[in-house]
């Protein structure tokens, strides 16, 4: 009974970390985009992005969280953040993980970049070190007005939430207004 109580406390801790870290960003995006269509949450990029980001935030908060408990954190946080039925997530995640579509992998990579911004060096300490990035990326200096700042701010490797999430959703055909 004690093990179960400890496991449930760890699951709550991981879920809370993911929801309090990612939830406000999603809500800000909902407001900026005038909502996010429910069907968008089934897009392979967004599934990879959200699952990876939830996983990283939960692991940073609780590095010893066992994998079977992590699946509960993922589904509960997914439901709380997206407002979607979390029961559908497991099958979708397994299918996409097995098939490795490019969009799913790209979403996971983008999430690692965003997580590096949100959580700092702790991301590497739990084994999610973004590949192909060898130096710390910094925010462009807004006081300097030149073309190099524009390219840096729009580069998906910077880990910018708006580039990785808002821009992607806005580009989905289903997100277009009639």
Foldseek 3Di string as FASTA:
>chain_A
DVVVVVLVVLLVQLLVQLCVQCQVVLVVLCVVLVHFDPVVCLPLLNLLQSQLLSLLSSCLRPVVNDPVSSLVSSLVSCCSRSVDRSVVSVVSVVVCVVVVDVSSVNSNLLNLLLCCVRPNPSSVVSPSDRPPDDDQADQQDPVDDDPVNVCSVLDSNNSDCCNSPNVVSCPDPVSDDD
